[in-house]
Amino acid sequence: MSTTQSDRLRALLEPLVAAQDLDLEDIELSKAGKRRMLRVIVDSDEGVELDTCAELSRVISETLDESDAMGEDEYVLEVSSPGADRPLSEHRHYLRAIGRLVKFQLSGEGEKGAGELVARILDVDDEGMDLEVPGVKGRKATARRIAFTDIAKARVEIEFNRKDKKEEEA
């Protein structure tokens, strides 16, 4: 998608998304056979419900039909949330991931150097975050702090057998 079309779409869609108390995370335009696929990714601190995506899809569709932002060619519109294993790139993403297990690719600029780290986010501030690194082979978990500048990539890890805190307290 050209930068100008991306910018035009973002400028057109951002107010519609914000009106639903959501964040516009991404806009992807790709070919799907003879048609184009416009994927609009939205999120919020509370997550996104299916009904909200459906309503937003109707509003976006009407707005796109009234404008020339997509041109004359056919397209398919998809409005969705980023998914459970989404990449973390914005400060708000890390805040939303507090309590979650995350896989970090470290840039090597920090004191511990480059590499991979899997840890649970405990707290986030403006400079970085406090983590709990799970213990290996019966060892206790350890605390660690990393700065945002030390992170090359980060992605939430899916946990299928994680116990909820309420279950642990019972």
N, C-alpha and C. Protein backbone atom coordinates (compact mmCIF):
# COMPACT_ATOMS: atom_id res chain seq x y z
N MET A 1 0.86 -1.17 0.00
CA MET A 1 0.00 0.00 0.00
C MET A 1 0.90 1.22 0.00
N SER A 2 0.60 2.16 -0.87
CA SER A 2 1.44 3.35 -0.96
C SER A 2 1.29 4.17 0.32
N THR A 3 2.33 4.91 0.62
CA THR A 3 2.33 5.71 1.85
C THR A 3 1.19 6.72 1.83
N THR A 4 0.96 7.34 0.68
CA THR A 4 -0.10 8.34 0.63
C THR A 4 -1.47 7.70 0.83
N GLN A 5 -1.71 6.51 0.25
CA GLN A 5 -2.99 5.84 0.47
C GLN A 5 -3.12 5.40 1.92
N SER A 6 -2.05 4.89 2.48
CA SER A 6 -2.04 4.49 3.89
C SER A 6 -2.35 5.69 4.79
N ASP A 7 -1.71 6.80 4.52
CA ASP A 7 -1.94 8.01 5.31
C ASP A 7 -3.38 8.50 5.17
N ARG A 8 -3.90 8.46 3.93
CA ARG A 8 -5.29 8.90 3.69
C ARG A 8 -6.27 7.99 4.43
N LEU A 9 -6.04 6.68 4.36
CA LEU A 9 -6.92 5.74 5.05
C LEU A 9 -6.84 5.93 6.56
N ARG A 10 -5.63 6.10 7.07
CA ARG A 10 -5.47 6.30 8.52
C ARG A 10 -6.19 7.57 8.96
N ALA A 11 -6.04 8.65 8.21
CA ALA A 11 -6.70 9.91 8.55
C ALA A 11 -8.23 9.78 8.49
N LEU A 12 -8.72 8.97 7.57
CA LEU A 12 -10.15 8.77 7.42
C LEU A 12 -10.72 7.86 8.52
N LEU A 13 -9.96 6.82 8.86
CA LEU A 13 -10.48 5.79 9.77
C LEU A 13 -10.21 6.07 11.25
N GLU A 14 -9.15 6.78 11.55
CA GLU A 14 -8.78 7.00 12.96
C GLU A 14 -9.91 7.64 13.78
N PRO A 15 -10.58 8.69 13.26
CA PRO A 15 -11.69 9.27 14.05
C PRO A 15 -12.85 8.29 14.26
N LEU A 16 -13.11 7.42 13.28
CA LEU A 16 -14.18 6.44 13.41
C LEU A 16 -13.85 5.42 14.49
N VAL A 17 -12.61 4.99 14.52
CA VAL A 17 -12.15 4.02 15.51
C VAL A 17 -12.15 4.66 16.90
N ALA A 18 -11.64 5.89 17.00
CA ALA A 18 -11.59 6.59 18.28
C ALA A 18 -12.99 6.83 18.84
N ALA A 19 -13.98 7.03 17.97
CA ALA A 19 -15.36 7.24 18.41
C ALA A 19 -15.91 6.00 19.12
N GLN A 20 -15.34 4.84 18.86
CA GLN A 20 -15.74 3.60 19.52
C GLN A 20 -14.85 3.31 20.74
N ASP A 21 -14.04 4.29 21.16
CA ASP A 21 -13.09 4.15 22.28
C ASP A 21 -12.07 3.04 22.02
N LEU A 22 -11.59 2.95 20.78
CA LEU A 22 -10.61 1.96 20.38
C LEU A 22 -9.37 2.65 19.84
N ASP A 23 -8.26 1.90 19.79
CA ASP A 23 -7.03 2.38 19.17
C ASP A 23 -6.90 1.73 17.81
N LEU A 24 -6.54 2.52 16.80
CA LEU A 24 -6.25 1.98 15.47
C LEU A 24 -4.81 1.48 15.49
N GLU A 25 -4.64 0.16 15.50
CA GLU A 25 -3.31 -0.44 15.60
C GLU A 25 -2.62 -0.53 14.25
N ASP A 26 -3.36 -0.94 13.22
CA ASP A 26 -2.72 -1.14 11.93
C ASP A 26 -3.77 -1.14 10.83
N ILE A 27 -3.31 -0.80 9.63
CA ILE A 27 -4.11 -0.90 8.42
C ILE A 27 -3.26 -1.67 7.42
N GLU A 28 -3.81 -2.77 6.89
CA GLU A 28 -3.08 -3.57 5.91
C GLU A 28 -3.92 -3.67 4.64
N LEU A 29 -3.32 -3.38 3.51
CA LEU A 29 -4.01 -3.51 2.23
C LEU A 29 -3.21 -4.49 1.39
N SER A 30 -3.85 -5.56 0.94
CA SER A 30 -3.14 -6.58 0.15
C SER A 30 -4.05 -7.11 -0.95
N LYS A 31 -3.46 -7.82 -1.88
CA LYS A 31 -4.21 -8.45 -2.97
C LYS A 31 -4.79 -9.77 -2.48
N ALA A 32 -6.03 -10.04 -2.86
CA ALA A 32 -6.69 -11.31 -2.57
C ALA A 32 -7.37 -11.76 -3.86
N GLY A 33 -6.61 -12.37 -4.74
CA GLY A 33 -7.13 -12.73 -6.06
C GLY A 33 -7.31 -11.48 -6.88
N LYS A 34 -8.52 -11.32 -7.42
CA LYS A 34 -8.80 -10.12 -8.23
C LYS A 34 -9.16 -8.92 -7.36
N ARG A 35 -9.47 -9.20 -6.12
CA ARG A 35 -9.87 -8.13 -5.20
C ARG A 35 -8.70 -7.72 -4.31
N ARG A 36 -8.93 -6.64 -3.61
CA ARG A 36 -7.99 -6.22 -2.59
C ARG A 36 -8.61 -6.51 -1.23
N MET A 37 -7.76 -6.72 -0.24
CA MET A 37 -8.19 -6.99 1.13
C MET A 37 -7.73 -5.83 2.00
N LEU A 38 -8.67 -5.15 2.64
CA LEU A 38 -8.34 -4.08 3.59
C LEU A 38 -8.60 -4.63 4.98
N ARG A 39 -7.52 -4.78 5.75
CA ARG A 39 -7.62 -5.30 7.11
C ARG A 39 -7.35 -4.14 8.06
N VAL A 40 -8.31 -3.89 8.95
CA VAL A 40 -8.21 -2.82 9.95
C VAL A 40 -8.09 -3.50 11.31
N ILE A 41 -6.97 -3.26 12.00
CA ILE A 41 -6.72 -3.89 13.30
C ILE A 41 -6.95 -2.85 14.39
N VAL A 42 -7.84 -3.17 15.34
CA VAL A 42 -8.17 -2.25 16.43
C VAL A 42 -8.00 -2.96 17.77
N ASP A 43 -7.81 -2.18 18.82
CA ASP A 43 -7.65 -2.75 20.16
C ASP A 43 -8.04 -1.72 21.20
N SER A 44 -8.16 -2.17 22.44
CA SER A 44 -8.40 -1.27 23.58
C SER A 44 -7.85 -1.94 24.82
N ASP A 45 -7.80 -1.21 25.92
CA ASP A 45 -7.31 -1.76 27.18
C ASP A 45 -8.17 -2.93 27.65
N GLU A 46 -9.45 -2.92 27.32
CA GLU A 46 -10.37 -3.98 27.73
C GLU A 46 -10.52 -5.08 26.68
N GLY A 47 -9.81 -4.96 25.57
CA GLY A 47 -9.99 -5.90 24.46
C GLY A 47 -11.09 -5.41 23.54
N VAL A 48 -11.42 -6.21 22.54
CA VAL A 48 -12.43 -5.82 21.56
C VAL A 48 -13.44 -6.95 21.41
N GLU A 49 -14.70 -6.63 21.55
CA GLU A 49 -15.75 -7.64 21.39
C GLU A 49 -16.15 -7.75 19.92
N LEU A 50 -16.67 -8.91 19.56
CA LEU A 50 -17.08 -9.18 18.20
C LEU A 50 -18.15 -8.20 17.72
N ASP A 51 -19.10 -7.87 18.58
CA ASP A 51 -20.16 -6.93 18.20
C ASP A 51 -19.59 -5.55 17.89
N THR A 52 -18.57 -5.15 18.62
CA THR A 52 -17.91 -3.86 18.38
C THR A 52 -17.23 -3.87 17.02
N CYS A 53 -16.56 -4.97 16.69
CA CYS A 53 -15.91 -5.09 15.37
C CYS A 53 -16.96 -5.03 14.25
N ALA A 54 -18.09 -5.70 14.45
CA ALA A 54 -19.15 -5.70 13.43
C ALA A 54 -19.71 -4.31 13.22
N GLU A 55 -19.99 -3.59 14.30
CA GLU A 55 -20.52 -2.23 14.20
C GLU A 55 -19.50 -1.31 13.54
N LEU A 56 -18.25 -1.41 13.95
CA LEU A 56 -17.20 -0.58 13.37
C LEU A 56 -17.03 -0.90 11.89
N SER A 57 -17.14 -2.16 11.52
CA SER A 57 -17.05 -2.57 10.12
C SER A 57 -18.13 -1.89 9.28
N ARG A 58 -19.36 -1.83 9.79
CA ARG A 58 -20.45 -1.16 9.07
C ARG A 58 -20.15 0.33 8.89
N VAL A 59 -19.68 0.97 9.95
CA VAL A 59 -19.38 2.40 9.90
C VAL A 59 -18.24 2.67 8.91
N ILE A 60 -17.19 1.86 8.98
CA ILE A 60 -16.05 2.04 8.07
C ILE A 60 -16.47 1.80 6.63
N SER A 61 -17.27 0.76 6.40
CA SER A 61 -17.73 0.44 5.05
C SER A 61 -18.52 1.60 4.45
N GLU A 62 -19.45 2.16 5.23
CA GLU A 62 -20.24 3.31 4.75
C GLU A 62 -19.34 4.49 4.43
N THR A 63 -18.37 4.76 5.30
CA THR A 63 -17.47 5.89 5.10
C THR A 63 -16.60 5.69 3.85
N LEU A 64 -16.08 4.47 3.67
CA LEU A 64 -15.26 4.19 2.49
C LEU A 64 -16.08 4.28 1.21
N ASP A 65 -17.33 3.84 1.26
CA ASP A 65 -18.19 3.91 0.08
C ASP A 65 -18.48 5.36 -0.31
N GLU A 66 -18.56 6.24 0.69
CA GLU A 66 -18.84 7.65 0.43
C GLU A 66 -17.61 8.42 -0.03
N SER A 67 -16.42 7.88 0.23
CA SER A 67 -15.19 8.56 -0.15
C SER A 67 -14.56 7.84 -1.34
N ASP A 68 -13.47 8.39 -1.85
CA ASP A 68 -12.75 7.73 -2.95
C ASP A 68 -11.43 7.13 -2.45
N ALA A 69 -11.34 6.89 -1.14
CA ALA A 69 -10.08 6.41 -0.54
C ALA A 69 -9.65 5.05 -1.08
N MET A 70 -10.60 4.20 -1.47
CA MET A 70 -10.27 2.87 -1.99
C MET A 70 -10.35 2.81 -3.51
N GLY A 71 -10.68 3.91 -4.15
CA GLY A 71 -10.77 3.91 -5.61
C GLY A 71 -12.00 3.14 -6.08
N GLU A 72 -11.98 2.73 -7.34
CA GLU A 72 -13.12 2.06 -7.95
C GLU A 72 -13.05 0.54 -7.84
N ASP A 73 -11.87 -0.03 -7.57
CA ASP A 73 -11.72 -1.48 -7.53
C ASP A 73 -12.44 -2.08 -6.33
N GLU A 74 -12.86 -3.35 -6.50
CA GLU A 74 -13.52 -4.07 -5.41
C GLU A 74 -12.51 -4.37 -4.30
N TYR A 75 -13.04 -4.45 -3.09
CA TYR A 75 -12.20 -4.80 -1.95
C TYR A 75 -13.03 -5.52 -0.91
N VAL A 76 -12.35 -6.27 -0.05
CA VAL A 76 -12.97 -6.94 1.08
C VAL A 76 -12.47 -6.25 2.34
N LEU A 77 -13.39 -5.91 3.22
CA LEU A 77 -13.04 -5.23 4.47
C LEU A 77 -13.09 -6.21 5.62
N GLU A 78 -12.04 -6.21 6.43
CA GLU A 78 -12.01 -7.04 7.63
C GLU A 78 -11.59 -6.15 8.80
N VAL A 79 -12.39 -6.13 9.84
CA VAL A 79 -12.08 -5.39 11.06
C VAL A 79 -11.89 -6.41 12.17
N SER A 80 -10.73 -6.40 12.82
CA SER A 80 -10.46 -7.39 13.86
C SER A 80 -9.51 -6.85 14.91
N SER A 81 -9.34 -7.64 15.96
CA SER A 81 -8.37 -7.30 17.00
C SER A 81 -7.04 -7.96 16.64
N PRO A 82 -5.95 -7.56 17.29
CA PRO A 82 -4.64 -8.06 16.89
C PRO A 82 -4.36 -9.52 17.23
N GLY A 83 -5.13 -10.13 18.09
CA GLY A 83 -4.89 -11.53 18.43
C GLY A 83 -4.07 -11.68 19.69
N ALA A 84 -4.09 -12.88 20.22
CA ALA A 84 -3.45 -13.15 21.51
C ALA A 84 -1.93 -13.09 21.45
N ASP A 85 -1.33 -13.47 20.33
CA ASP A 85 0.13 -13.50 20.25
C ASP A 85 0.70 -12.31 19.48
N ARG A 86 0.05 -11.20 19.64
CA ARG A 86 0.41 -9.98 18.93
C ARG A 86 1.82 -9.49 19.26
N PRO A 87 2.49 -8.86 18.30
CA PRO A 87 3.76 -8.23 18.62
C PRO A 87 3.52 -6.99 19.49
N LEU A 88 4.44 -6.71 20.37
CA LEU A 88 4.35 -5.54 21.23
C LEU A 88 5.31 -4.48 20.68
N SER A 89 4.79 -3.31 20.38
CA SER A 89 5.66 -2.27 19.83
C SER A 89 5.41 -0.90 20.46
N GLU A 90 4.24 -0.68 20.99
CA GLU A 90 3.90 0.60 21.61
C GLU A 90 3.88 0.46 23.13
N HIS A 91 4.07 1.56 23.83
CA HIS A 91 4.04 1.56 25.29
C HIS A 91 2.73 0.96 25.80
N ARG A 92 1.61 1.33 25.16
CA ARG A 92 0.30 0.83 25.60
C ARG A 92 0.20 -0.69 25.45
N HIS A 93 0.91 -1.28 24.47
CA HIS A 93 0.90 -2.73 24.31
C HIS A 93 1.50 -3.41 25.52
N TYR A 94 2.61 -2.86 26.03
CA TYR A 94 3.27 -3.43 27.21
C TYR A 94 2.38 -3.29 28.45
N LEU A 95 1.71 -2.15 28.57
CA LEU A 95 0.79 -1.96 29.70
C LEU A 95 -0.33 -2.99 29.67
N ARG A 96 -0.85 -3.26 28.49
CA ARG A 96 -1.93 -4.25 28.34
C ARG A 96 -1.44 -5.67 28.60
N ALA A 97 -0.14 -5.87 28.49
CA ALA A 97 0.43 -7.22 28.65
C ALA A 97 0.91 -7.49 30.08
N ILE A 98 0.66 -6.59 31.02
CA ILE A 98 1.08 -6.84 32.40
C ILE A 98 0.42 -8.13 32.88
N GLY A 99 1.26 -9.00 33.47
CA GLY A 99 0.79 -10.30 33.93
C GLY A 99 0.95 -11.40 32.89
N ARG A 100 1.27 -11.04 31.66
CA ARG A 100 1.40 -12.02 30.58
C ARG A 100 2.86 -12.43 30.40
N LEU A 101 3.05 -13.60 29.85
CA LEU A 101 4.37 -14.11 29.51
C LEU A 101 4.73 -13.58 28.13
N VAL A 102 5.94 -13.04 27.98
CA VAL A 102 6.36 -12.40 26.73
C VAL A 102 7.73 -12.93 26.33
N LYS A 103 7.91 -13.13 25.03
CA LYS A 103 9.22 -13.51 24.49
C LYS A 103 9.87 -12.25 23.92
N PHE A 104 11.04 -11.91 24.46
CA PHE A 104 11.76 -10.72 24.05
C PHE A 104 12.98 -11.11 23.21
N GLN A 105 13.20 -10.40 22.13
CA GLN A 105 14.46 -10.46 21.40
C GLN A 105 15.22 -9.20 21.82
N LEU A 106 16.34 -9.38 22.49
CA LEU A 106 17.08 -8.23 23.02
C LEU A 106 18.10 -7.76 21.99
N SER A 107 18.29 -6.45 21.95
CA SER A 107 19.14 -5.84 20.93
C SER A 107 20.63 -5.94 21.22
N GLY A 108 21.00 -6.21 22.45
CA GLY A 108 22.41 -6.30 22.78
C GLY A 108 23.01 -5.00 23.26
N GLU A 109 22.19 -3.96 23.33
CA GLU A 109 22.70 -2.66 23.78
C GLU A 109 22.70 -2.54 25.30
N GLY A 110 21.97 -3.39 25.98
CA GLY A 110 21.88 -3.32 27.44
C GLY A 110 23.03 -4.04 28.11
N GLU A 111 22.98 -4.08 29.43
CA GLU A 111 24.07 -4.68 30.21
C GLU A 111 24.18 -6.19 30.03
N LYS A 112 23.08 -6.87 29.71
CA LYS A 112 23.10 -8.33 29.59
C LYS A 112 23.37 -8.79 28.15
N GLY A 113 23.39 -7.89 27.19
CA GLY A 113 23.70 -8.26 25.82
C GLY A 113 22.51 -8.79 25.04
N ALA A 114 22.79 -9.16 23.77
CA ALA A 114 21.76 -9.65 22.87
C ALA A 114 21.32 -11.05 23.28
N GLY A 115 20.17 -11.44 22.78
CA GLY A 115 19.69 -12.78 23.04
C GLY A 115 18.19 -12.80 23.15
N GLU A 116 17.70 -13.91 23.66
CA GLU A 116 16.27 -14.12 23.80
C GLU A 116 15.94 -14.27 25.28
N LEU A 117 14.80 -13.75 25.67
CA LEU A 117 14.37 -13.82 27.06
C LEU A 117 12.86 -14.05 27.08
N VAL A 118 12.42 -15.01 27.88
CA VAL A 118 10.99 -15.23 28.09
C VAL A 118 10.73 -14.91 29.56
N ALA A 119 9.82 -13.96 29.79
CA ALA A 119 9.55 -13.51 31.15
C ALA A 119 8.14 -12.94 31.25
N ARG A 120 7.64 -12.87 32.47
CA ARG A 120 6.33 -12.30 32.74
C ARG A 120 6.48 -10.82 33.09
N ILE A 121 5.67 -9.98 32.48
CA ILE A 121 5.71 -8.54 32.77
C ILE A 121 4.98 -8.28 34.08
N LEU A 122 5.68 -7.66 35.03
CA LEU A 122 5.09 -7.34 36.32
C LEU A 122 4.64 -5.88 36.40
N ASP A 123 5.45 -4.98 35.83
CA ASP A 123 5.15 -3.55 35.90
C ASP A 123 5.83 -2.85 34.74
N VAL A 124 5.21 -1.75 34.29
CA VAL A 124 5.72 -0.97 33.16
C VAL A 124 5.73 0.49 33.55
N ASP A 125 6.84 1.18 33.22
CA ASP A 125 6.90 2.63 33.41
C ASP A 125 7.40 3.26 32.11
N ASP A 126 7.78 4.51 32.15
CA ASP A 126 8.19 5.21 30.93
C ASP A 126 9.51 4.73 30.35
N GLU A 127 10.41 4.19 31.17
CA GLU A 127 11.74 3.78 30.69
C GLU A 127 11.82 2.29 30.34
N GLY A 128 11.03 1.46 30.99
CA GLY A 128 11.13 0.02 30.76
C GLY A 128 10.14 -0.75 31.60
N MET A 129 10.54 -1.97 31.98
CA MET A 129 9.62 -2.80 32.74
C MET A 129 10.33 -3.73 33.68
N ASP A 130 9.60 -4.12 34.72
CA ASP A 130 10.06 -5.12 35.68
C ASP A 130 9.48 -6.46 35.25
N LEU A 131 10.35 -7.48 35.25
CA LEU A 131 9.97 -8.80 34.78
C LEU A 131 10.20 -9.85 35.84
N GLU A 132 9.51 -10.97 35.69
CA GLU A 132 9.76 -12.15 36.48
C GLU A 132 10.19 -13.23 35.48
N VAL A 133 11.44 -13.67 35.60
CA VAL A 133 11.97 -14.70 34.72
C VAL A 133 11.71 -16.05 35.39
N PRO A 134 10.92 -16.92 34.75
CA PRO A 134 10.61 -18.21 35.38
C PRO A 134 11.87 -19.02 35.67
N GLY A 135 11.85 -19.73 36.77
CA GLY A 135 12.97 -20.60 37.12
C GLY A 135 13.00 -21.83 36.22
N VAL A 136 14.19 -22.36 36.01
CA VAL A 136 14.36 -23.54 35.18
C VAL A 136 14.80 -24.70 36.06
N LYS A 137 14.27 -25.88 35.82
CA LYS A 137 14.64 -27.10 36.54
C LYS A 137 14.54 -26.94 38.06
N GLY A 138 13.38 -26.45 38.51
CA GLY A 138 13.14 -26.37 39.94
C GLY A 138 13.68 -25.13 40.62
N ARG A 139 14.38 -24.29 39.91
CA ARG A 139 14.90 -23.05 40.52
C ARG A 139 13.80 -22.02 40.65
N LYS A 140 14.01 -21.10 41.59
CA LYS A 140 13.04 -20.03 41.81
C LYS A 140 13.09 -19.01 40.67
N ALA A 141 11.95 -18.36 40.46
CA ALA A 141 11.88 -17.28 39.49
C ALA A 141 12.76 -16.12 39.97
N THR A 142 13.32 -15.36 39.02
CA THR A 142 14.17 -14.22 39.37
C THR A 142 13.59 -12.94 38.79
N ALA A 143 13.88 -11.84 39.44
CA ALA A 143 13.43 -10.53 38.98
C ALA A 143 14.46 -9.95 38.01
N ARG A 144 13.98 -9.20 37.05
CA ARG A 144 14.88 -8.55 36.09
C ARG A 144 14.19 -7.29 35.58
N ARG A 145 14.99 -6.30 35.29
CA ARG A 145 14.49 -5.05 34.71
C ARG A 145 15.12 -4.88 33.34
N ILE A 146 14.31 -4.52 32.34
CA ILE A 146 14.87 -4.19 31.04
C ILE A 146 14.31 -2.86 30.58
N ALA A 147 15.12 -2.15 29.82
CA ALA A 147 14.72 -0.86 29.25
C ALA A 147 14.11 -1.09 27.87
N PHE A 148 13.21 -0.22 27.47
CA PHE A 148 12.61 -0.33 26.14
C PHE A 148 13.68 -0.27 25.05
N THR A 149 14.74 0.48 25.29
CA THR A 149 15.81 0.61 24.29
C THR A 149 16.57 -0.69 24.07
N ASP A 150 16.46 -1.65 25.00
CA ASP A 150 17.14 -2.94 24.88
C ASP A 150 16.31 -3.98 24.11
N ILE A 151 15.08 -3.62 23.73
CA ILE A 151 14.18 -4.59 23.09
C ILE A 151 14.19 -4.39 21.59
N ALA A 152 14.54 -5.46 20.87
CA ALA A 152 14.46 -5.44 19.41
C ALA A 152 13.06 -5.86 18.97
N LYS A 153 12.52 -6.92 19.58
CA LYS A 153 11.18 -7.42 19.29
C LYS A 153 10.59 -8.01 20.56
N ALA A 154 9.27 -8.00 20.64
CA ALA A 154 8.59 -8.64 21.77
C ALA A 154 7.24 -9.16 21.28
N ARG A 155 6.88 -10.33 21.78
CA ARG A 155 5.61 -10.95 21.39
C ARG A 155 5.05 -11.71 22.58
N VAL A 156 3.74 -11.56 22.81
CA VAL A 156 3.07 -12.28 23.88
C VAL A 156 3.11 -13.77 23.56
N GLU A 157 3.40 -14.57 24.57
CA GLU A 157 3.40 -16.02 24.44
C GLU A 157 2.03 -16.56 24.87
N ILE A 158 1.54 -17.52 24.13
CA ILE A 158 0.27 -18.15 24.48
C ILE A 158 0.53 -19.17 25.59
N GLU A 159 -0.26 -19.10 26.65
CA GLU A 159 -0.14 -20.05 27.76
C GLU A 159 -1.43 -20.84 27.86
N PHE A 160 -1.35 -22.12 27.55
CA PHE A 160 -2.54 -22.96 27.58
C PHE A 160 -2.86 -23.49 28.97
N ASN A 161 -1.85 -23.65 29.82
CA ASN A 161 -2.11 -24.24 31.13
C ASN A 161 -1.76 -23.31 32.28
N ARG A 162 -1.82 -22.02 32.05
CA ARG A 162 -1.55 -21.06 33.11
C ARG A 162 -2.72 -21.01 34.07
N LYS A 163 -2.41 -21.07 35.35
CA LYS A 163 -3.46 -20.97 36.36
C LYS A 163 -3.76 -19.51 36.61
N ASP A 164 -5.05 -19.21 36.71
CA ASP A 164 -5.48 -17.88 37.03
C ASP A 164 -5.10 -17.56 38.47
N LYS A 165 -4.81 -16.31 38.78
CA LYS A 165 -4.41 -15.93 40.13
C LYS A 165 -5.46 -16.34 41.16
N LYS A 166 -6.74 -16.29 40.81
CA LYS A 166 -7.81 -16.66 41.73
C LYS A 166 -7.72 -18.14 42.06
N GLU A 167 -7.36 -18.97 41.08
CA GLU A 167 -7.22 -20.40 41.32
C GLU A 167 -6.03 -20.67 42.24
N GLU A 168 -4.94 -19.90 42.06
CA GLU A 168 -3.75 -20.10 42.88
C GLU A 168 -4.01 -19.74 44.34
N GLU A 169 -4.87 -18.72 44.57
CA GLU A 169 -5.14 -18.27 45.93
C GLU A 169 -6.09 -19.22 46.65
N ALA A 170 -6.89 -19.97 45.91
CA ALA A 170 -7.87 -20.88 46.52
C ALA A 170 -7.23 -22.12 47.12
